Protein backbone atom coordinates (compact mmCIF):
# COMPACT_ATOMS: atom_id res chain seq x y z
CA MET A 1 9.17 5.66 6.83
CA ARG A 2 10.33 4.30 10.20
CA GLN A 3 7.87 6.57 11.98
CA ILE A 4 4.98 5.35 9.81
CA VAL A 5 5.86 1.71 10.48
CA SER A 6 6.12 2.40 14.22
CA LEU A 7 2.66 4.00 14.25
CA CYS A 8 1.20 1.06 12.32
CA LEU A 9 2.56 -1.33 14.92
CA LEU A 10 0.42 0.38 17.55
CA ALA A 11 -2.75 -0.82 15.85
CA PRO A 12 -2.74 -4.39 17.28
CA ALA A 13 -2.53 -2.93 20.80
CA ALA A 14 -6.06 -1.56 20.32
CA VAL A 15 -7.53 -5.03 19.75
CA MET A 16 -8.14 -5.83 23.43
CA PHE A 17 -11.51 -7.08 24.68
CA TYR A 18 -13.47 -7.60 27.83
CA PRO A 19 -15.13 -11.02 28.15
CA GLY A 20 -18.32 -9.30 27.00
CA GLY A 21 -16.72 -8.34 23.72
CA ARG A 22 -16.30 -4.61 24.34
CA LEU A 23 -13.17 -2.89 23.17
CA VAL A 24 -10.98 -1.84 26.07
CA LEU A 25 -9.65 1.01 23.92
CA PHE A 26 -13.02 2.80 24.03
CA GLU A 27 -13.52 2.45 27.78
CA PRO A 28 -12.90 5.95 29.30
CA LYS A 29 -10.66 4.59 32.08
CA PHE A 30 -8.41 2.71 29.68
CA PHE A 31 -8.51 5.16 26.78
CA LYS A 32 -6.64 7.85 28.73
CA ILE A 33 -3.99 5.38 29.86
CA ILE A 34 -3.50 3.87 26.39
CA ALA A 35 -3.39 7.34 24.79
CA ALA A 36 -0.78 8.50 27.32
CA VAL A 37 1.32 5.38 26.76
CA VAL A 38 1.19 5.82 22.97
CA ILE A 39 2.22 9.50 23.22
CA LEU A 40 5.04 8.71 25.67
CA SER A 41 6.28 5.89 23.44
CA MET A 42 6.35 8.15 20.39
CA ILE A 43 8.24 10.85 22.29
CA ALA A 44 10.71 8.25 23.56
CA TYR A 45 11.19 6.95 20.00
CA PHE A 46 12.23 10.33 18.64
CA LEU A 47 14.34 11.20 21.70
CA THR A 48 16.17 7.88 21.41
CA GLY A 49 17.07 8.58 17.78
CA HIS A 50 18.24 12.06 18.73
CA PHE A 51 20.45 10.98 21.65
CA ILE A 52 21.97 8.11 19.67
CA ASN A 53 23.28 10.69 17.19
CA VAL A 54 24.47 12.86 20.07
CA PHE A 55 26.42 10.17 21.94
CA LYS A 56 27.80 8.00 19.14
CA ASP A 57 30.78 10.30 18.47
CA SER A 58 31.55 10.53 22.19
CA LEU A 59 31.66 6.75 22.47
CA CYS A 60 34.02 6.48 19.50
CA LYS A 61 36.32 9.08 21.06
CA SER A 62 36.29 7.09 24.31
CA GLY A 63 37.49 4.00 22.47
CA LEU A 64 34.13 2.18 22.67
CA PHE A 65 33.83 1.26 19.00
CA GLY A 66 34.32 -1.65 16.66
CA LYS A 67 34.56 -2.37 12.94
CA ASP A 68 31.80 -3.93 10.85
CA LEU A 69 33.33 -7.26 9.82
CA ASN A 70 30.35 -8.05 7.57
CA LYS A 71 31.11 -5.17 5.20
CA ALA A 72 33.54 -5.50 2.31
CA GLY A 73 36.98 -3.93 2.52
CA GLU A 74 40.02 -3.93 4.76
CA LYS A 75 39.37 -3.79 8.49
CA ASP A 76 41.55 -0.71 9.03
CA ASP A 77 39.69 1.21 6.32
CA LYS A 78 36.22 0.53 7.66
CA GLU A 79 34.12 3.14 9.46
CA LYS A 80 34.05 3.02 13.25
CA VAL A 81 30.85 1.59 14.73
CA PRO A 82 30.11 2.87 18.27
CA GLU A 83 29.43 0.25 20.91
CA ALA A 84 27.41 0.50 24.14
CA LEU A 85 24.77 2.62 22.37
CA GLY A 86 22.16 0.25 23.76
CA VAL A 87 22.34 2.22 26.98
CA VAL A 88 20.46 5.09 25.28
CA PRO A 89 17.26 3.18 24.38
CA ALA A 90 17.55 1.23 27.64
CA ILE A 91 17.47 4.42 29.73
CA MET A 92 14.62 5.84 27.65
CA PHE A 93 12.68 2.59 28.08
CA LEU A 94 13.18 2.66 31.85
CA LEU A 95 12.11 6.29 32.11
CA VAL A 96 8.96 5.73 30.05
CA THR A 97 8.09 2.56 31.97
CA ILE A 98 8.46 4.34 35.32
CA ILE A 99 6.25 7.21 34.11
CA GLU A 100 3.70 4.72 32.81
CA GLN A 101 3.64 3.10 36.24
CA VAL A 102 2.50 6.43 37.70
CA ILE A 103 -0.10 6.91 34.96
CA SER A 104 -1.57 3.42 35.32
CA VAL A 105 -1.28 3.15 39.11
CA GLU A 106 -4.98 2.25 39.45
CA ILE A 107 -4.37 -0.84 37.34
CA THR A 108 -0.87 -1.83 38.51
CA ASN A 109 -1.35 -0.96 42.20
CA GLY A 110 -1.72 -4.63 43.17
CA LYS A 111 1.42 -5.66 41.29
CA LEU A 112 3.89 -2.99 42.36
CA VAL A 113 6.33 -5.47 43.93
CA GLU A 114 6.60 -7.55 40.76
CA TYR A 115 6.57 -4.41 38.60
CA ASN A 116 9.47 -2.80 40.44
CA ALA A 117 11.35 -6.10 40.62
CA ALA A 118 11.13 -6.32 36.82
CA LEU A 119 12.47 -2.76 36.52
CA LEU A 120 15.36 -3.64 38.85
CA SER A 121 16.16 -6.70 36.73
CA ILE A 122 16.22 -4.54 33.60
CA CYS A 123 18.53 -2.05 35.35
CA LEU A 124 20.90 -4.89 36.26
CA VAL A 125 20.89 -6.17 32.69
CA VAL A 126 21.71 -2.68 31.38
CA LEU A 127 24.51 -2.27 33.92
CA LEU A 128 26.00 -5.68 33.13
CA GLY A 129 25.64 -4.96 29.41
CA ILE A 130 27.70 -1.79 29.79
CA ILE A 131 30.32 -3.76 31.73
CA ASP A 132 30.41 -6.31 28.90
CA ASP A 133 31.00 -3.57 26.30
CA VAL A 134 33.77 -2.02 28.38
CA ILE A 135 35.75 -5.10 29.49
CA ASN A 136 34.50 -7.60 26.85
CA LEU A 137 33.28 -10.49 28.99
CA GLN A 138 34.00 -14.06 27.91
CA TRP A 139 31.07 -16.27 26.91
CA ARG A 140 31.42 -18.40 30.04
CA HIS A 141 30.93 -15.25 32.09
CA LYS A 142 27.89 -14.20 30.07
CA LEU A 143 26.03 -17.22 31.44
CA ILE A 144 26.22 -15.65 34.90
CA VAL A 145 24.97 -12.20 33.81
CA PRO A 146 21.27 -13.08 33.25
CA THR A 147 21.31 -15.22 36.40
CA ILE A 148 22.25 -12.21 38.51
CA ALA A 149 19.77 -9.97 36.70
CA SER A 150 16.87 -12.41 37.20
CA ILE A 151 17.33 -12.67 41.00
CA PRO A 152 15.04 -9.67 41.89
CA LEU A 153 12.29 -11.03 39.65
CA LEU A 154 12.59 -14.55 41.09
CA VAL A 155 12.52 -13.26 44.68
CA ALA A 156 9.41 -11.13 44.03
CA TYR A 157 7.55 -13.85 42.08
CA ASN A 158 4.52 -15.13 43.96
CA GLY A 159 2.53 -16.79 41.20
CA VAL A 160 1.83 -20.35 40.11
CA THR A 161 4.67 -22.87 40.04
CA SER A 162 3.04 -25.30 37.63
CA VAL A 163 3.85 -25.95 33.97
CA VAL A 164 1.83 -27.46 31.13
CA VAL A 165 3.09 -30.95 30.34
CA PRO A 166 3.88 -31.76 26.67
CA ILE A 167 1.15 -33.82 24.98
CA LEU A 168 3.35 -36.93 24.64
CA LEU A 169 3.99 -37.06 28.40
CA ARG A 170 0.45 -36.26 29.60
CA PRO A 171 -0.60 -39.94 29.94
CA LEU A 172 2.20 -40.31 32.51
CA LEU A 173 2.32 -36.90 34.22
CA GLY A 174 -1.09 -35.40 33.58
CA HIS A 175 -1.99 -32.06 32.00
CA MET A 176 -0.25 -29.88 34.62
CA MET A 177 2.77 -30.51 36.82
CA ASN A 178 3.66 -28.53 39.95
CA LEU A 179 7.44 -28.00 40.10
CA GLY A 180 7.43 -26.24 43.47
CA ILE A 181 10.77 -24.64 44.28
CA PHE A 182 12.28 -26.12 41.10
CA TYR A 183 10.08 -23.71 39.13
CA TYR A 184 12.44 -20.91 40.17
CA PHE A 185 15.42 -22.81 38.75
CA TYR A 186 13.37 -23.32 35.60
CA MET A 187 12.67 -19.57 35.33
CA GLY A 188 16.33 -18.75 35.96
CA ASN A 189 17.41 -21.11 33.17
CA ILE A 190 14.82 -19.60 30.84
CA ALA A 191 16.35 -16.16 31.53
CA ILE A 192 19.81 -17.51 30.65
CA PHE A 193 18.57 -19.15 27.45
CA CYS A 194 16.47 -16.21 26.19
CA THR A 195 19.14 -13.54 26.67
CA ASN A 196 22.00 -15.56 25.20
CA SER A 197 19.96 -16.93 22.29
CA ILE A 198 19.52 -13.31 21.15
CA ASN A 199 22.94 -11.99 22.17
CA ILE A 200 24.75 -14.77 20.28
CA TYR A 201 23.53 -13.24 16.98
CA ALA A 202 24.78 -9.76 17.86
CA GLY A 203 27.58 -9.91 15.27
CA ILE A 204 25.24 -10.59 12.34
CA ASN A 205 23.77 -7.37 10.96
CA GLY A 206 20.06 -7.00 11.62
CA LEU A 207 19.48 -10.53 12.90
CA GLU A 208 19.64 -9.70 16.60
CA VAL A 209 17.17 -6.82 16.49
CA GLY A 210 15.12 -8.64 13.83
CA GLN A 211 14.39 -11.67 15.98
CA SER A 212 13.71 -9.41 18.98
CA PHE A 213 11.10 -7.60 16.86
CA VAL A 214 9.47 -10.90 15.80
CA ILE A 215 9.42 -12.15 19.41
CA GLY A 216 7.89 -8.84 20.55
CA CYS A 217 5.12 -9.08 17.94
CA PHE A 218 4.20 -12.61 18.99
CA MET A 219 4.27 -11.62 22.68
CA LEU A 220 1.82 -8.82 21.85
CA LEU A 221 -0.41 -11.26 19.95
CA HIS A 222 -0.25 -13.79 22.81
CA ASN A 223 -1.24 -11.14 25.36
CA ILE A 224 -4.17 -10.01 23.20
CA ILE A 225 -5.40 -13.63 22.94
CA GLU A 226 -5.04 -14.15 26.70
CA LEU A 227 -6.89 -10.90 27.46
CA LYS A 228 -9.78 -12.00 25.22
CA ARG A 229 -9.88 -15.51 26.72
CA ASN A 230 -9.77 -14.31 30.33
């Protein structure tokens, strides 16, 4: 059932248009890239499930486990839940993304600096996440983690530094406002907010991954709309 749902979620990715209204999916140049990405993603999905089952017992033996406090029963009688398993899908995601970079080099060639900076930021997040699982960082320390991880992305960013002003403030500030160097502080704070707003729900079964899934779907929809508009 999970595999069927995963395949169904690929359907919206096909709804991408040129300004002329043609489907990108059926353009020869893009069809090969999209097909390769879909195949790689499916392979990564099954490999991730396999390696999670392989490594979960090893993590429990290493002492990296917890108890599900949301299940009924005494804490000592509950089944061990391995921690730090997020490193498995994280590594698979990084590997697939790096391979996709090679496949789509003709498209991403002009954005390699930003692309690789984003990969480095993800690597730092994974590393700091493993450290958190091992030494159990305090919440005050977790505010610093996304700040460190976002540094490569902020350094490599060379785009616009303007933001859209809320409707209520437009009579005073106009439609757009250029923040200049303060835009980087804004992006850094966004990184802190986004990561911790998800991580704070980690102890509630299904809620953390559930909201990540919803956010991912709306990001996909937003990108499709922007591709059609531009």
